[in-house]
């Protein structure tokens, strides 16, 4: 009789352990399917003199590298934008993977060097900045 009683206790403990393990797996699965965190990405471009800068920037994050490869112009935008020392160009967007996608570059043609400066800030912290003459690029990965 004692063996049957112990077997009942063992069975109950195994059942509770299986239920707990299943609950843990379900919680882990639910967490892994959660939306990825988004980050506020801010691009800033300034120039030492007034000019229309040619600015390329990742306006929105593509869903994948292959989607970007198919039609990069949906995500990477090219615009001529007036920039001067007193009026920087600023653009803000959100991204799940700024380390993969955040990029801004600026160039211009003047008889004198326009002295460009670019910055990328993620969640309020400047993560990259560059200074250059007739063209500058800030990116969080090698392009």
N, C-alpha and C. Protein backbone atom coordinates (compact mmCIF):
# COMPACT_ATOMS: atom_id res chain seq x y z
N UNK A 1 0.82 -1.19 0.00
CA UNK A 1 0.00 0.00 0.00
C UNK A 1 0.87 1.25 0.00
N UNK A 2 1.97 1.19 0.70
CA UNK A 2 2.86 2.34 0.80
C UNK A 2 3.43 2.70 -0.57
N UNK A 3 3.78 1.74 -1.39
CA UNK A 3 4.33 2.01 -2.71
C UNK A 3 3.31 2.73 -3.60
N UNK A 4 2.06 2.35 -3.50
CA UNK A 4 1.03 3.01 -4.29
C UNK A 4 0.87 4.46 -3.85
N UNK A 5 0.92 4.72 -2.55
CA UNK A 5 0.80 6.09 -2.03
C UNK A 5 1.97 6.94 -2.50
N UNK A 6 3.19 6.40 -2.40
CA UNK A 6 4.36 7.14 -2.87
C UNK A 6 4.29 7.39 -4.38
N UNK A 7 3.80 6.41 -5.11
CA UNK A 7 3.67 6.56 -6.55
C UNK A 7 2.69 7.69 -6.88
N UNK A 8 1.63 7.79 -6.12
CA UNK A 8 0.65 8.86 -6.32
C UNK A 8 1.28 10.22 -6.07
N UNK A 9 2.12 10.33 -5.03
CA UNK A 9 2.79 11.60 -4.74
C UNK A 9 3.78 11.96 -5.85
N UNK A 10 4.53 10.97 -6.32
CA UNK A 10 5.49 11.20 -7.39
C UNK A 10 4.76 11.65 -8.65
N UNK A 11 3.67 10.96 -8.97
CA UNK A 11 2.88 11.33 -10.16
C UNK A 11 2.37 12.76 -10.03
N UNK A 12 1.89 13.13 -8.85
CA UNK A 12 1.39 14.49 -8.64
C UNK A 12 2.51 15.51 -8.82
N UNK A 13 3.69 15.21 -8.28
CA UNK A 13 4.82 16.14 -8.39
C UNK A 13 5.28 16.27 -9.85
N UNK A 14 5.31 15.17 -10.57
CA UNK A 14 5.69 15.22 -11.98
C UNK A 14 4.67 16.03 -12.75
N UNK A 15 3.39 15.83 -12.46
CA UNK A 15 2.34 16.59 -13.13
C UNK A 15 2.47 18.08 -12.88
N UNK A 16 2.72 18.47 -11.61
CA UNK A 16 2.91 19.88 -11.28
C UNK A 16 4.14 20.43 -12.00
N UNK A 17 5.22 19.64 -12.04
CA UNK A 17 6.44 20.08 -12.73
C UNK A 17 6.18 20.30 -14.22
N UNK A 18 5.42 19.40 -14.83
CA UNK A 18 5.10 19.55 -16.25
C UNK A 18 4.24 20.79 -16.51
N UNK A 19 3.29 21.04 -15.64
CA UNK A 19 2.44 22.22 -15.78
C UNK A 19 3.29 23.48 -15.66
N UNK A 20 4.19 23.52 -14.68
CA UNK A 20 5.06 24.69 -14.49
C UNK A 20 5.97 24.89 -15.70
N UNK A 21 6.53 23.79 -16.21
CA UNK A 21 7.41 23.88 -17.38
C UNK A 21 6.63 24.38 -18.59
N UNK A 22 5.40 23.90 -18.75
CA UNK A 22 4.58 24.36 -19.87
C UNK A 22 4.26 25.84 -19.75
N UNK A 23 3.97 26.29 -18.55
CA UNK A 23 3.67 27.71 -18.33
C UNK A 23 4.90 28.56 -18.63
N UNK A 24 6.07 28.08 -18.22
CA UNK A 24 7.31 28.81 -18.51
C UNK A 24 7.56 28.88 -20.00
N UNK A 25 7.36 27.78 -20.70
CA UNK A 25 7.56 27.76 -22.15
C UNK A 25 6.57 28.69 -22.83
N UNK A 26 5.33 28.70 -22.37
CA UNK A 26 4.32 29.58 -22.96
C UNK A 26 4.69 31.04 -22.73
N UNK A 27 5.17 31.36 -21.53
CA UNK A 27 5.57 32.74 -21.24
C UNK A 27 6.76 33.15 -22.10
N UNK A 28 7.72 32.24 -22.26
CA UNK A 28 8.89 32.53 -23.09
C UNK A 28 8.47 32.73 -24.53
N UNK A 29 7.58 31.89 -25.05
CA UNK A 29 7.10 32.00 -26.42
C UNK A 29 6.37 33.31 -26.62
N UNK A 30 5.54 33.70 -25.64
CA UNK A 30 4.81 34.96 -25.75
C UNK A 30 5.78 36.14 -25.76
N UNK A 31 6.82 36.07 -24.95
CA UNK A 31 7.80 37.15 -24.90
C UNK A 31 8.56 37.24 -26.21
N UNK A 32 8.91 36.11 -26.80
CA UNK A 32 9.69 36.14 -28.03
C UNK A 32 8.86 36.65 -29.21
N UNK A 33 7.55 36.57 -29.13
CA UNK A 33 6.69 37.07 -30.20
C UNK A 33 6.29 38.52 -30.01
N UNK A 34 6.74 39.16 -28.93
CA UNK A 34 6.40 40.54 -28.66
C UNK A 34 7.02 41.44 -29.72
N UNK A 35 6.40 42.59 -29.93
CA UNK A 35 6.93 43.56 -30.88
C UNK A 35 8.31 44.01 -30.43
N UNK A 36 9.25 44.17 -31.36
CA UNK A 36 10.58 44.64 -30.97
C UNK A 36 10.50 46.09 -30.47
N UNK A 37 11.39 46.44 -29.58
CA UNK A 37 11.42 47.80 -29.05
C UNK A 37 11.78 48.77 -30.17
N UNK A 38 11.15 49.92 -30.18
CA UNK A 38 11.50 50.92 -31.17
C UNK A 38 12.36 51.99 -30.50
N UNK A 39 13.21 52.59 -31.30
CA UNK A 39 14.12 53.62 -30.83
C UNK A 39 13.89 54.89 -31.63
N UNK A 40 13.99 56.02 -30.96
CA UNK A 40 13.88 57.31 -31.63
C UNK A 40 15.23 57.63 -32.24
N UNK A 41 15.26 57.83 -33.56
CA UNK A 41 16.49 58.13 -34.29
C UNK A 41 16.38 59.56 -34.81
N UNK A 42 17.41 60.35 -34.54
CA UNK A 42 17.41 61.75 -34.97
C UNK A 42 18.68 62.02 -35.79
N UNK A 43 18.47 62.50 -37.02
CA UNK A 43 19.57 62.89 -37.90
C UNK A 43 19.68 64.42 -37.86
N UNK A 44 20.92 64.90 -37.83
CA UNK A 44 21.16 66.35 -37.89
C UNK A 44 22.30 66.61 -38.86
N UNK A 45 22.12 67.59 -39.74
CA UNK A 45 23.17 68.00 -40.67
C UNK A 45 23.29 69.52 -40.60
N UNK A 46 24.52 70.00 -40.46
CA UNK A 46 24.79 71.43 -40.51
C UNK A 46 25.90 71.67 -41.53
N UNK A 47 25.99 72.91 -41.97
CA UNK A 47 27.05 73.31 -42.90
C UNK A 47 27.61 74.65 -42.45
N UNK A 48 28.88 74.86 -42.75
CA UNK A 48 29.54 76.09 -42.37
C UNK A 48 29.12 77.29 -43.20
N UNK A 49 28.45 77.05 -44.31
CA UNK A 49 27.95 78.14 -45.15
C UNK A 49 26.58 77.76 -45.70
N UNK A 50 25.85 78.74 -46.15
CA UNK A 50 24.50 78.50 -46.67
C UNK A 50 24.58 77.83 -48.04
N UNK A 51 23.84 76.73 -48.18
CA UNK A 51 23.80 76.03 -49.46
C UNK A 51 22.63 75.06 -49.51
N UNK A 52 22.34 74.55 -50.69
CA UNK A 52 21.39 73.46 -50.86
C UNK A 52 22.20 72.17 -50.82
N UNK A 53 22.04 71.43 -49.76
CA UNK A 53 22.79 70.19 -49.59
C UNK A 53 22.05 69.02 -50.22
N UNK A 54 22.80 68.11 -50.76
CA UNK A 54 22.25 66.84 -51.26
C UNK A 54 22.31 65.89 -50.06
N UNK A 55 21.16 65.54 -49.49
CA UNK A 55 21.12 64.72 -48.28
C UNK A 55 20.45 63.39 -48.58
N UNK A 56 21.14 62.32 -48.24
CA UNK A 56 20.60 60.96 -48.30
C UNK A 56 20.38 60.52 -46.86
N UNK A 57 19.22 59.92 -46.59
CA UNK A 57 18.97 59.43 -45.23
C UNK A 57 17.96 58.29 -45.27
N UNK A 58 18.07 57.42 -44.28
CA UNK A 58 17.13 56.30 -44.16
C UNK A 58 15.88 56.85 -43.47
N UNK A 59 14.85 57.09 -44.29
CA UNK A 59 13.62 57.69 -43.80
C UNK A 59 12.81 56.72 -42.94
N UNK A 60 12.77 55.47 -43.37
CA UNK A 60 12.05 54.45 -42.60
C UNK A 60 12.81 53.13 -42.70
N UNK A 61 12.63 52.32 -41.70
CA UNK A 61 13.34 51.04 -41.62
C UNK A 61 12.67 50.00 -42.50
N UNK A 62 13.43 49.39 -43.41
CA UNK A 62 12.85 48.32 -44.22
C UNK A 62 12.58 47.09 -43.37
N UNK A 63 11.63 46.26 -43.78
CA UNK A 63 11.33 45.05 -43.01
C UNK A 63 12.45 44.01 -43.08
N UNK A 64 13.29 44.10 -44.12
CA UNK A 64 14.39 43.13 -44.27
C UNK A 64 15.41 43.68 -45.27
N UNK A 65 16.57 43.05 -45.29
CA UNK A 65 17.60 43.44 -46.26
C UNK A 65 17.11 43.18 -47.68
N UNK A 66 16.40 42.07 -47.87
CA UNK A 66 15.92 41.76 -49.22
C UNK A 66 14.89 42.79 -49.70
N UNK A 67 14.03 43.27 -48.81
CA UNK A 67 13.07 44.31 -49.19
C UNK A 67 13.81 45.59 -49.56
N UNK A 68 14.86 45.92 -48.83
CA UNK A 68 15.68 47.09 -49.16
C UNK A 68 16.35 46.91 -50.51
N UNK A 69 16.89 45.71 -50.76
CA UNK A 69 17.58 45.44 -52.02
C UNK A 69 16.64 45.55 -53.23
N UNK A 70 15.38 45.16 -53.05
CA UNK A 70 14.41 45.21 -54.14
C UNK A 70 14.09 46.65 -54.54
N UNK A 71 13.90 47.53 -53.54
CA UNK A 71 13.55 48.92 -53.84
C UNK A 71 14.02 49.83 -52.71
N UNK A 72 15.29 50.16 -52.71
CA UNK A 72 15.88 50.98 -51.64
C UNK A 72 15.27 52.38 -51.59
N UNK A 73 14.76 52.88 -52.71
CA UNK A 73 14.23 54.24 -52.73
C UNK A 73 12.98 54.42 -51.87
N UNK A 74 12.35 53.32 -51.49
CA UNK A 74 11.22 53.42 -50.55
C UNK A 74 11.69 53.79 -49.15
N UNK A 75 12.94 53.54 -48.85
CA UNK A 75 13.47 53.71 -47.50
C UNK A 75 14.59 54.75 -47.43
N UNK A 76 15.52 54.69 -48.37
CA UNK A 76 16.65 55.61 -48.42
C UNK A 76 16.30 56.75 -49.36
N UNK A 77 16.14 57.94 -48.80
CA UNK A 77 15.64 59.09 -49.54
C UNK A 77 16.80 60.03 -49.90
N UNK A 78 16.68 60.67 -51.05
CA UNK A 78 17.65 61.65 -51.52
C UNK A 78 16.91 62.96 -51.76
N UNK A 79 17.31 64.02 -51.06
CA UNK A 79 16.65 65.31 -51.22
C UNK A 79 17.66 66.44 -51.24
N UNK A 80 17.34 67.51 -51.97
CA UNK A 80 18.12 68.74 -51.90
C UNK A 80 17.45 69.62 -50.85
N UNK A 81 18.22 69.98 -49.83
CA UNK A 81 17.65 70.68 -48.69
C UNK A 81 18.52 71.88 -48.33
N UNK A 82 17.92 73.05 -48.13
CA UNK A 82 18.71 74.21 -47.71
C UNK A 82 19.25 74.01 -46.28
N UNK A 83 20.54 74.26 -46.13
CA UNK A 83 21.21 74.13 -44.83
C UNK A 83 22.11 75.35 -44.68
N UNK A 84 22.17 75.89 -43.48
CA UNK A 84 23.12 76.96 -43.19
C UNK A 84 23.54 76.87 -41.73
N UNK A 85 24.56 77.62 -41.34
CA UNK A 85 25.08 77.50 -39.98
C UNK A 85 24.03 77.76 -38.90
N UNK A 86 23.06 78.61 -39.18
CA UNK A 86 22.04 78.95 -38.17
C UNK A 86 20.79 78.10 -38.26
N UNK A 87 20.70 77.25 -39.28
CA UNK A 87 19.50 76.46 -39.48
C UNK A 87 19.86 75.03 -39.90
N UNK A 88 20.16 74.15 -38.95
CA UNK A 88 20.50 72.78 -39.31
C UNK A 88 19.28 72.04 -39.85
N UNK A 89 19.53 71.02 -40.63
CA UNK A 89 18.47 70.12 -41.09
C UNK A 89 18.36 69.01 -40.05
N UNK A 90 17.13 68.74 -39.60
CA UNK A 90 16.89 67.71 -38.58
C UNK A 90 15.73 66.85 -39.06
N UNK A 91 15.89 65.53 -38.93
CA UNK A 91 14.83 64.60 -39.27
C UNK A 91 14.78 63.53 -38.19
N UNK A 92 13.57 63.18 -37.74
CA UNK A 92 13.39 62.15 -36.72
C UNK A 92 12.52 61.03 -37.26
N UNK A 93 12.88 59.81 -36.89
CA UNK A 93 12.13 58.62 -37.27
C UNK A 93 12.25 57.59 -36.14
N UNK A 94 11.54 56.50 -36.25
CA UNK A 94 11.69 55.41 -35.29
C UNK A 94 12.19 54.17 -36.02
N UNK A 95 13.01 53.41 -35.32
CA UNK A 95 13.56 52.17 -35.89
C UNK A 95 13.68 51.13 -34.80
N UNK A 96 13.48 49.89 -35.18
CA UNK A 96 13.72 48.77 -34.27
C UNK A 96 15.20 48.42 -34.23
N UNK A 97 15.88 48.59 -35.36
CA UNK A 97 17.30 48.22 -35.48
C UNK A 97 18.13 49.38 -36.04
N UNK A 98 18.31 50.44 -35.26
CA UNK A 98 19.10 51.56 -35.79
C UNK A 98 20.55 51.18 -36.09
N UNK A 99 21.11 50.21 -35.37
CA UNK A 99 22.48 49.78 -35.66
C UNK A 99 22.61 49.18 -37.05
N UNK A 100 21.52 48.70 -37.59
CA UNK A 100 21.51 48.13 -38.93
C UNK A 100 21.17 49.17 -39.99
N UNK A 101 20.27 50.12 -39.69
CA UNK A 101 19.69 50.94 -40.74
C UNK A 101 19.95 52.44 -40.68
N UNK A 102 20.34 52.99 -39.55
CA UNK A 102 20.49 54.45 -39.45
C UNK A 102 21.68 54.95 -40.27
N UNK A 103 21.41 55.87 -41.18
CA UNK A 103 22.45 56.48 -42.01
C UNK A 103 21.97 57.83 -42.51
N UNK A 104 22.90 58.79 -42.56
CA UNK A 104 22.65 60.09 -43.17
C UNK A 104 23.95 60.56 -43.80
N UNK A 105 23.85 61.13 -44.98
CA UNK A 105 25.03 61.70 -45.63
C UNK A 105 24.63 63.01 -46.29
N UNK A 106 25.59 63.91 -46.40
CA UNK A 106 25.32 65.21 -47.01
C UNK A 106 26.52 65.62 -47.85
N UNK A 107 26.23 66.26 -48.97
CA UNK A 107 27.29 66.78 -49.83
C UNK A 107 26.79 68.04 -50.50
N UNK A 108 27.73 68.81 -51.00
CA UNK A 108 27.38 70.03 -51.69
C UNK A 108 28.56 70.53 -52.49
N UNK A 109 28.27 71.39 -53.45
CA UNK A 109 29.33 71.93 -54.29
C UNK A 109 29.34 73.45 -54.12
N UNK A 110 30.45 73.92 -53.64
CA UNK A 110 30.67 75.36 -53.50
C UNK A 110 32.11 75.65 -53.91
N UNK A 111 32.39 76.89 -54.18
CA UNK A 111 33.79 77.24 -54.48
C UNK A 111 34.65 77.14 -53.23
N UNK A 112 34.01 77.30 -52.09
CA UNK A 112 34.72 77.10 -50.83
C UNK A 112 34.12 75.87 -50.15
N UNK A 113 34.89 75.24 -49.31
CA UNK A 113 34.43 74.04 -48.60
C UNK A 113 33.27 74.37 -47.68
N UNK A 114 32.13 73.67 -47.78
CA UNK A 114 30.99 73.98 -46.93
C UNK A 114 31.14 73.50 -45.48
N UNK A 115 32.14 72.68 -45.18
CA UNK A 115 32.37 72.18 -43.82
C UNK A 115 31.11 71.57 -43.20
N UNK A 116 30.76 70.40 -43.68
CA UNK A 116 29.58 69.69 -43.18
C UNK A 116 29.85 69.02 -41.82
N UNK A 117 28.76 68.91 -41.07
CA UNK A 117 28.76 68.15 -39.81
C UNK A 117 27.49 67.32 -39.80
N UNK A 118 27.59 66.03 -39.45
CA UNK A 118 26.39 65.20 -39.31
C UNK A 118 26.43 64.49 -37.95
N UNK A 119 25.24 64.16 -37.48
CA UNK A 119 25.08 63.42 -36.22
C UNK A 119 23.91 62.47 -36.35
N UNK A 120 24.04 61.35 -35.64
CA UNK A 120 22.90 60.46 -35.43
C UNK A 120 22.78 60.28 -33.92
N UNK A 121 21.58 60.56 -33.42
CA UNK A 121 21.29 60.33 -32.01
C UNK A 121 20.23 59.23 -31.92
N UNK A 122 20.40 58.32 -30.98
CA UNK A 122 19.43 57.25 -30.74
C UNK A 122 18.94 57.40 -29.31
N UNK A 123 17.63 57.53 -29.18
CA UNK A 123 17.00 57.71 -27.87
C UNK A 123 17.64 58.85 -27.09
N UNK A 124 17.96 59.94 -27.79
CA UNK A 124 18.47 61.14 -27.15
C UNK A 124 19.97 61.20 -26.93
N UNK A 125 20.69 60.14 -27.28
CA UNK A 125 22.14 60.11 -27.10
C UNK A 125 22.83 60.09 -28.46
N UNK A 126 23.74 61.03 -28.67
CA UNK A 126 24.50 61.06 -29.93
C UNK A 126 25.41 59.84 -29.96
N UNK A 127 25.25 59.02 -30.99
CA UNK A 127 26.04 57.78 -31.10
C UNK A 127 27.11 57.86 -32.17
N UNK A 128 26.98 58.80 -33.10
CA UNK A 128 28.02 59.01 -34.10
C UNK A 128 27.92 60.45 -34.60
N UNK A 129 29.09 61.05 -34.86
CA UNK A 129 29.13 62.37 -35.48
C UNK A 129 30.40 62.45 -36.32
N UNK A 130 30.33 63.21 -37.40
CA UNK A 130 31.46 63.36 -38.31
C UNK A 130 31.50 64.78 -38.82
N UNK A 131 32.70 65.25 -39.12
CA UNK A 131 32.92 66.53 -39.76
C UNK A 131 33.73 66.28 -41.02
N UNK A 132 33.39 66.99 -42.09
CA UNK A 132 34.13 66.82 -43.34
C UNK A 132 33.91 68.05 -44.21
N UNK A 133 34.66 68.13 -45.28
CA UNK A 133 34.60 69.28 -46.18
C UNK A 133 33.39 69.28 -47.09
N UNK A 134 33.53 68.72 -48.28
CA UNK A 134 32.46 68.81 -49.26
C UNK A 134 31.43 67.69 -49.15
N UNK A 135 31.67 66.73 -48.29
CA UNK A 135 30.71 65.64 -48.07
C UNK A 135 30.99 64.93 -46.76
N UNK A 136 29.94 64.45 -46.13
CA UNK A 136 30.07 63.80 -44.83
C UNK A 136 29.05 62.66 -44.74
N UNK A 137 29.40 61.61 -43.99
CA UNK A 137 28.47 60.49 -43.79
C UNK A 137 28.53 60.03 -42.34
N UNK A 138 27.35 59.84 -41.76
CA UNK A 138 27.22 59.25 -40.44
C UNK A 138 26.39 57.98 -40.59
N UNK A 139 26.91 56.88 -40.07
CA UNK A 139 26.21 55.60 -40.15
C UNK A 139 26.60 54.76 -38.95
N UNK A 140 25.72 53.85 -38.57
CA UNK A 140 26.01 52.98 -37.45
C UNK A 140 26.56 51.63 -37.88
N UNK A 141 26.72 51.46 -39.18
CA UNK A 141 27.38 50.26 -39.71
C UNK A 141 28.09 50.65 -41.00
N UNK A 142 28.93 49.78 -41.49
CA UNK A 142 29.62 50.04 -42.75
C UNK A 142 28.68 49.80 -43.91
N UNK A 143 28.57 50.75 -44.79
CA UNK A 143 27.72 50.62 -45.98
C UNK A 143 28.63 50.37 -47.12
